[in-house]
N, C-alpha and C. Protein backbone atom coordinates (compact mmCIF):
# COMPACT_ATOMS: atom_id res chain seq x y z
N UNK A 1 92.95 96.73 115.09
CA UNK A 1 94.68 95.49 115.26
C UNK A 1 94.55 94.47 114.03
N UNK A 2 93.63 94.49 113.19
CA UNK A 2 94.22 94.26 111.62
C UNK A 2 94.89 94.99 111.01
N UNK A 3 94.77 96.25 111.26
CA UNK A 3 95.57 97.15 110.16
C UNK A 3 97.15 97.02 110.74
N UNK A 4 97.24 96.99 112.39
CA UNK A 4 99.05 96.57 112.46
C UNK A 4 99.10 95.53 112.02
N UNK A 5 98.30 94.18 112.37
CA UNK A 5 98.70 92.83 111.88
C UNK A 5 99.37 93.12 110.61
N UNK A 6 98.60 93.84 109.72
CA UNK A 6 98.67 93.96 108.00
C UNK A 6 99.80 94.42 107.84
N UNK A 7 100.74 95.94 108.67
CA UNK A 7 101.68 96.71 108.95
C UNK A 7 102.54 96.15 109.19
N UNK A 8 102.72 94.92 110.16
CA UNK A 8 103.70 94.37 110.36
C UNK A 8 104.10 93.12 109.51
N UNK A 9 103.12 92.67 109.16
CA UNK A 9 102.97 91.02 107.56
C UNK A 9 103.69 92.07 106.50
N UNK A 10 103.24 93.48 105.66
CA UNK A 10 104.01 94.06 105.44
C UNK A 10 105.32 94.57 105.40
N UNK A 11 105.70 94.56 106.37
CA UNK A 11 106.93 95.57 107.01
C UNK A 11 108.56 93.63 107.13
N UNK A 12 107.45 92.80 107.15
CA UNK A 12 108.13 91.51 107.16
C UNK A 12 108.82 91.42 105.69
N UNK A 13 107.89 91.12 104.63
CA UNK A 13 108.01 91.26 103.43
C UNK A 13 109.29 92.20 102.70
N UNK A 14 109.02 93.48 102.98
CA UNK A 14 110.19 94.06 102.69
C UNK A 14 111.38 94.03 103.15
N UNK A 15 111.21 93.37 104.58
CA UNK A 15 112.93 92.87 105.25
C UNK A 15 112.84 91.71 105.05
N UNK A 16 112.38 90.93 104.66
CA UNK A 16 112.70 89.60 104.00
C UNK A 16 112.97 89.48 101.97
N UNK A 17 112.91 90.82 101.47
CA UNK A 17 113.36 90.66 100.24
C UNK A 17 114.60 90.32 99.67
N UNK A 18 115.26 90.95 100.22
CA UNK A 18 116.66 90.98 100.35
C UNK A 18 117.48 89.34 100.59
N UNK A 19 116.72 88.36 100.39
CA UNK A 19 117.40 87.18 101.61
C UNK A 19 116.94 86.29 100.05
N UNK A 20 117.82 84.95 100.01
CA UNK A 20 117.50 84.62 98.88
C UNK A 20 116.19 83.78 99.02
N UNK A 21 115.42 83.52 97.64
CA UNK A 21 114.24 83.37 97.35
C UNK A 21 114.17 82.58 95.88
N UNK A 22 112.97 82.27 95.79
CA UNK A 22 112.28 81.72 94.34
C UNK A 22 111.41 82.87 93.89
N UNK A 23 111.68 83.57 92.35
CA UNK A 23 110.68 84.35 91.74
C UNK A 23 109.33 83.68 92.09
N UNK A 24 108.36 84.58 91.56
CA UNK A 24 106.91 84.73 91.06
C UNK A 24 106.73 84.59 89.65
N UNK A 25 106.11 83.92 88.97
CA UNK A 25 106.11 83.92 87.82
C UNK A 25 106.22 83.27 86.93
N UNK A 26 106.84 83.19 85.48
CA UNK A 26 107.12 82.33 84.76
C UNK A 26 108.50 81.45 85.25
N UNK A 27 108.93 81.42 86.15
CA UNK A 27 110.20 80.86 86.11
C UNK A 27 110.20 79.74 86.61
N UNK A 28 111.01 78.73 85.64
CA UNK A 28 110.56 77.32 85.82
C UNK A 28 111.45 76.73 86.91
N UNK A 29 110.94 75.83 87.38
CA UNK A 29 111.45 74.61 88.47
C UNK A 29 112.49 74.36 89.06
N UNK A 30 113.63 74.87 87.87
CA UNK A 30 114.63 74.69 88.14
C UNK A 30 115.58 75.84 87.83
N UNK A 31 115.01 76.91 87.96
CA UNK A 31 115.86 77.98 88.02
C UNK A 31 115.58 78.60 89.28
N UNK A 32 116.45 79.42 89.75
CA UNK A 32 116.25 80.25 91.13
C UNK A 32 116.91 81.75 90.93
N UNK A 33 115.99 82.21 91.21
CA UNK A 33 116.11 83.94 91.36
C UNK A 33 116.51 83.86 93.02
N UNK A 34 117.62 84.82 93.14
CA UNK A 34 117.75 85.03 94.84
C UNK A 34 118.28 86.75 95.06
N UNK A 35 117.80 87.54 95.35
CA UNK A 35 117.87 88.69 96.24
C UNK A 35 118.85 89.31 97.12
N UNK A 36 119.70 89.81 96.96
CA UNK A 36 120.77 90.19 98.06
C UNK A 36 121.42 91.34 98.42
N UNK A 37 121.45 91.94 99.14
CA UNK A 37 121.94 93.23 99.57
C UNK A 37 123.62 92.73 99.31
N UNK A 38 124.52 93.70 98.50
CA UNK A 38 126.06 94.22 98.40
C UNK A 38 126.33 92.96 97.62
N UNK A 39 125.61 92.42 96.58
CA UNK A 39 126.23 91.33 95.45
C UNK A 39 126.58 91.89 94.50
N UNK A 40 126.75 91.12 93.54
CA UNK A 40 128.43 90.53 93.61
C UNK A 40 129.30 91.06 94.59
N UNK A 41 130.36 90.64 95.12
CA UNK A 41 131.57 91.43 95.64
C UNK A 41 132.01 91.96 94.97
N UNK A 42 131.65 92.77 94.17
CA UNK A 42 132.26 94.00 93.54
C UNK A 42 131.37 95.00 93.76
N UNK A 43 130.17 95.09 94.49
CA UNK A 43 128.94 95.76 94.17
C UNK A 43 129.04 96.90 95.18
N UNK A 44 129.01 98.29 95.05
CA UNK A 44 128.73 99.05 95.85
C UNK A 44 128.19 98.98 97.29
N UNK A 45 128.06 99.24 98.31
CA UNK A 45 127.55 99.12 100.16
C UNK A 45 126.14 100.32 99.74
N UNK A 46 125.27 99.50 99.89
CA UNK A 46 124.13 100.25 99.77
C UNK A 46 122.93 100.01 98.79
N UNK A 47 123.69 99.03 97.86
CA UNK A 47 122.87 98.45 96.89
C UNK A 47 122.41 96.89 96.88
N UNK A 48 121.14 96.87 96.22
CA UNK A 48 120.60 95.70 96.06
C UNK A 48 120.76 95.02 94.83
N UNK A 49 121.03 93.74 94.87
CA UNK A 49 121.39 92.69 93.63
C UNK A 49 120.45 91.60 93.45
N UNK A 50 120.21 91.04 92.65
CA UNK A 50 119.15 89.49 92.31
C UNK A 50 120.15 89.25 91.12
N UNK A 51 120.66 87.49 91.36
CA UNK A 51 120.97 86.90 90.79
C UNK A 51 119.93 85.91 90.14
N UNK A 52 120.13 85.51 88.80
CA UNK A 52 119.06 84.46 88.50
C UNK A 52 120.09 83.42 87.40
N UNK A 53 119.59 81.74 88.26
CA UNK A 53 120.27 80.95 87.41
C UNK A 53 119.48 80.12 86.66
N UNK A 54 119.76 80.21 85.57
CA UNK A 54 119.07 79.47 84.65
C UNK A 54 120.02 78.32 84.45
N UNK A 55 118.98 76.77 84.21
CA UNK A 55 119.54 75.58 83.59
C UNK A 55 120.38 75.48 82.68
N UNK A 56 120.64 76.23 81.78
CA UNK A 56 121.61 76.48 80.47
C UNK A 56 122.59 77.34 80.78
N UNK A 57 122.55 78.23 82.18
CA UNK A 57 123.60 79.35 82.15
C UNK A 57 124.82 78.34 83.14
N UNK A 58 125.98 78.47 83.00
CA UNK A 58 127.25 78.30 83.41
C UNK A 58 127.63 78.76 84.87
N UNK A 59 126.94 80.04 84.61
CA UNK A 59 127.18 81.30 85.59
C UNK A 59 125.51 81.89 86.02
N UNK A 60 125.93 82.94 87.56
CA UNK A 60 125.01 83.57 87.98
C UNK A 60 124.90 84.89 86.83
N UNK A 61 123.63 85.49 86.48
CA UNK A 61 123.46 86.32 85.89
C UNK A 61 123.10 87.31 87.40
N UNK A 62 123.66 88.48 87.25
CA UNK A 62 123.61 89.55 88.09
C UNK A 62 123.03 90.67 87.70
N UNK A 63 121.84 91.05 88.37
CA UNK A 63 121.46 92.88 87.74
C UNK A 63 121.09 93.37 89.34
N UNK A 64 121.57 94.62 89.11
CA UNK A 64 120.81 95.71 90.14
C UNK A 64 119.57 95.82 90.14
N UNK A 65 118.93 96.05 91.30
CA UNK A 65 117.79 96.37 91.48
C UNK A 65 117.09 97.27 92.50
N UNK A 66 116.01 97.82 92.06
CA UNK A 66 115.93 99.08 93.65
C UNK A 66 115.84 98.11 94.65
N UNK A 67 116.06 98.82 95.70
CA UNK A 67 116.32 98.30 97.26
C UNK A 67 114.49 97.89 98.23
N UNK A 68 114.30 97.41 98.39
CA UNK A 68 113.17 96.91 98.99
C UNK A 68 112.37 98.04 99.89
N UNK A 69 113.07 99.02 100.32
CA UNK A 69 112.31 100.11 100.89
C UNK A 69 112.12 101.20 99.91
N UNK A 70 112.62 100.83 99.01
CA UNK A 70 112.11 102.11 97.44
C UNK A 70 110.92 101.50 96.87
N UNK A 71 110.31 100.62 97.46
CA UNK A 71 109.28 99.66 96.50
C UNK A 71 107.89 99.83 97.75
N UNK A 72 107.67 101.08 97.87
CA UNK A 72 106.56 101.46 98.70
C UNK A 72 105.25 101.31 97.77
N UNK A 73 104.11 101.51 98.48
CA UNK A 73 102.55 101.55 97.54
C UNK A 73 102.52 102.72 96.41
N UNK A 74 103.42 103.59 96.49
CA UNK A 74 102.95 104.29 95.55
C UNK A 74 104.06 104.59 94.48
N UNK A 75 105.37 103.90 94.47
CA UNK A 75 106.40 103.46 93.15
C UNK A 75 105.59 102.40 93.18
N UNK A 76 104.99 101.54 93.66
CA UNK A 76 104.51 100.07 92.87
C UNK A 76 103.16 100.70 91.74
N UNK A 77 102.60 101.20 92.17
CA UNK A 77 101.53 102.17 91.75
C UNK A 77 101.73 102.77 90.92
N UNK A 78 103.25 103.71 90.47
CA UNK A 78 103.70 104.24 89.66
C UNK A 78 103.92 102.88 88.55
N UNK A 79 104.79 102.02 88.88
CA UNK A 79 105.19 101.31 87.90
C UNK A 79 104.11 100.31 87.39
N UNK A 80 103.12 100.15 88.08
CA UNK A 80 101.97 99.45 87.44
C UNK A 80 101.05 100.68 86.29
N UNK A 81 100.92 101.56 86.28
CA UNK A 81 100.77 102.79 85.35
C UNK A 81 101.66 102.50 84.49
N UNK A 82 102.67 102.94 84.51
CA UNK A 82 103.94 102.64 83.52
C UNK A 82 103.44 101.58 82.42
N UNK A 83 103.91 100.06 82.91
CA UNK A 83 103.62 99.19 82.56
C UNK A 83 102.06 99.15 81.44
N UNK A 84 100.81 100.02 82.42
CA UNK A 84 99.46 99.76 81.87
C UNK A 84 99.87 100.53 80.68
N UNK A 85 100.62 101.56 80.46
CA UNK A 85 100.82 102.79 79.65
C UNK A 85 101.60 101.61 77.78
N UNK A 86 101.82 100.72 78.62
CA UNK A 86 102.69 99.87 77.25
C UNK A 86 102.27 98.81 76.85
N UNK A 87 100.74 98.72 77.32
CA UNK A 87 99.96 97.59 77.14
C UNK A 87 100.38 96.61 77.65
N UNK A 88 100.92 96.28 78.72
CA UNK A 88 101.58 94.69 79.41
C UNK A 88 100.73 94.71 80.94
N UNK A 89 99.92 95.58 81.67
CA UNK A 89 99.76 95.36 82.66
C UNK A 89 98.15 95.98 82.60
N UNK A 90 96.58 94.66 82.75
CA UNK A 90 95.47 95.03 82.80
C UNK A 90 95.19 95.13 84.14
N UNK A 91 95.73 94.73 85.22
CA UNK A 91 94.95 94.71 86.33
C UNK A 91 94.80 96.33 87.01
N UNK A 92 94.46 95.91 88.32
CA UNK A 92 94.17 97.05 88.83
C UNK A 92 94.95 98.01 89.62
N UNK A 93 95.52 99.49 89.46
CA UNK A 93 96.26 99.79 89.98
C UNK A 93 96.33 100.31 91.58
N UNK A 94 97.08 99.31 92.18
CA UNK A 94 96.59 99.27 93.69
C UNK A 94 97.65 99.29 94.67
N UNK A 95 98.91 99.42 93.85
CA UNK A 95 99.93 99.55 94.82
C UNK A 95 100.65 98.03 95.02
N UNK A 96 100.16 97.04 94.65
CA UNK A 96 100.37 95.96 95.52
C UNK A 96 101.25 94.96 94.22
N UNK A 97 102.49 94.01 94.55
CA UNK A 97 103.67 93.54 93.69
C UNK A 97 102.63 92.33 93.48
N UNK A 98 101.70 91.86 93.03
CA UNK A 98 101.08 90.79 93.10
C UNK A 98 101.49 89.85 91.54
N UNK A 99 100.79 88.75 91.43
CA UNK A 99 101.24 88.28 90.21
C UNK A 99 101.12 88.98 88.97
N UNK A 100 100.14 89.73 88.54
CA UNK A 100 99.91 90.20 86.91
C UNK A 100 101.40 91.36 87.06
N UNK A 101 101.33 92.25 87.89
CA UNK A 101 102.65 93.09 87.67
C UNK A 101 103.86 92.42 87.86
N UNK A 102 104.10 91.30 88.22
CA UNK A 102 104.99 90.71 88.02
C UNK A 102 105.18 90.03 86.21
N UNK A 103 104.31 89.35 86.46
CA UNK A 103 104.05 89.08 84.52
C UNK A 103 104.75 89.68 83.78
N UNK A 104 103.80 91.31 84.19
CA UNK A 104 103.83 92.39 83.21
C UNK A 104 105.82 92.86 83.68
N UNK A 105 106.13 93.02 84.31
CA UNK A 105 107.47 93.17 84.47
C UNK A 105 108.42 92.32 83.77
N UNK A 106 108.20 90.98 83.68
CA UNK A 106 108.95 90.03 83.13
C UNK A 106 108.91 90.24 81.66
N UNK A 107 107.51 90.83 81.30
CA UNK A 107 106.85 90.73 79.63
C UNK A 107 108.21 91.62 79.25
N UNK A 108 108.32 93.19 80.13
CA UNK A 108 109.24 93.93 80.01
C UNK A 108 110.35 93.51 79.76
N UNK A 109 111.11 92.91 80.44
CA UNK A 109 111.95 92.36 80.66
C UNK A 109 112.36 91.36 79.51
N UNK A 110 111.87 90.83 79.10
CA UNK A 110 112.33 90.14 78.36
C UNK A 110 112.53 90.24 77.08
N UNK A 111 111.64 91.37 76.80
CA UNK A 111 111.47 91.90 75.79
C UNK A 111 113.24 92.79 75.44
N UNK A 112 113.47 93.17 76.54
CA UNK A 112 115.08 93.84 76.48
C UNK A 112 115.79 92.80 77.43
N UNK A 113 116.00 91.74 76.95
CA UNK A 113 117.09 90.49 77.18
C UNK A 113 117.40 90.38 78.68
N UNK A 114 116.07 90.46 79.67
CA UNK A 114 116.33 89.85 80.91
C UNK A 114 115.33 89.01 81.73
N UNK A 115 115.42 87.67 81.38
CA UNK A 115 114.00 87.12 81.42
C UNK A 115 113.77 86.50 83.01
N UNK A 116 112.82 88.23 84.26
CA UNK A 116 113.22 87.87 85.30
C UNK A 116 111.44 88.65 85.37
N UNK A 117 111.32 88.14 87.02
CA UNK A 117 109.95 88.90 86.84
C UNK A 117 110.46 89.91 88.33
N UNK A 118 111.86 89.88 88.70
CA UNK A 118 112.30 90.73 89.63
C UNK A 118 112.49 92.48 89.06
N UNK A 119 112.02 93.45 89.51
CA UNK A 119 112.14 94.29 88.53
C UNK A 119 114.07 94.83 88.71
N UNK A 120 114.86 95.54 87.54
CA UNK A 120 115.96 95.61 87.56
C UNK A 120 115.93 97.08 87.81
N UNK A 121 116.58 97.23 88.19
CA UNK A 121 116.99 98.95 88.04
C UNK A 121 117.29 99.60 87.39
N UNK A 122 118.00 98.88 86.13
CA UNK A 122 117.63 99.15 84.56
C UNK A 122 116.29 99.75 84.03
N UNK A 123 115.36 98.55 84.17
CA UNK A 123 114.26 98.38 84.04
C UNK A 123 113.44 99.66 84.20
N UNK A 124 113.80 100.08 85.72
CA UNK A 124 112.83 101.01 86.69
C UNK A 124 113.34 102.61 85.60
N UNK A 125 114.61 102.72 85.27
CA UNK A 125 115.09 104.00 84.63
C UNK A 125 114.38 104.19 83.21
N UNK A 126 114.51 102.51 82.64
CA UNK A 126 114.19 102.83 81.32
C UNK A 126 112.60 103.26 81.31
N UNK A 127 111.73 102.96 82.59
CA UNK A 127 110.31 103.37 82.74
C UNK A 127 110.36 104.60 83.12
N UNK A 128 110.85 105.20 83.81
CA UNK A 128 110.82 106.80 84.41
C UNK A 128 110.92 106.84 85.89
N UNK A 129 111.24 105.44 86.37
CA UNK A 129 110.36 105.92 88.23
C UNK A 129 111.62 105.95 88.54
N UNK A 130 112.83 106.23 88.22
CA UNK A 130 113.99 105.84 89.13
C UNK A 130 114.85 107.07 88.23
N UNK A 131 115.75 108.12 88.70
CA UNK A 131 116.63 108.87 87.63
C UNK A 131 117.80 108.15 86.85
N UNK A 132 118.52 108.73 86.20
CA UNK A 132 120.00 108.39 85.62
C UNK A 132 120.75 108.31 86.87
N UNK A 133 121.71 108.51 87.18
CA UNK A 133 122.87 109.13 87.42
C UNK A 133 123.72 109.88 87.18
N UNK A 134 123.68 111.33 87.63
CA UNK A 134 124.74 112.35 87.32
C UNK A 134 126.26 111.99 86.37
N UNK A 135 126.52 112.14 85.38
CA UNK A 135 127.65 111.83 85.22
C UNK A 135 128.69 112.47 85.94
N UNK A 136 130.20 112.14 86.15
CA UNK A 136 131.07 112.81 86.95
C UNK A 136 131.55 113.66 85.91
N UNK A 137 132.01 114.76 86.27
CA UNK A 137 131.87 115.39 85.47
C UNK A 137 134.15 115.64 85.80
N UNK A 138 134.54 114.97 86.07
CA UNK A 138 136.08 114.96 86.53
C UNK A 138 137.15 115.23 84.82
């Protein structure tokens, strides 16, 4: 029974990940990170995005994210190994997107111009977790 409850709770987390929410980690109390599906208005269907509104910004900063269904335990464990190999994550490789993993994501992304603990699609590509799209040969 506990396993079923855990499975249901885990599924609920994935389903709610595309809802507006506050990020975990070093985001300040006046900074909000919102996750959306097919946002901003010009986004391709079946893509996931996050927006970050900082107090000093006059507009939202949008970035594409891997969709929640891609963030299974195997993917997160691979993410943790990639961050550990770069000296950014010192926790257990457990496949959970906890505080330590989010802090490591934020540290990596801040060094590359995005101060967020929400994994950006570009970051996942830089870390070798998601393939780059093939260029059109038109």
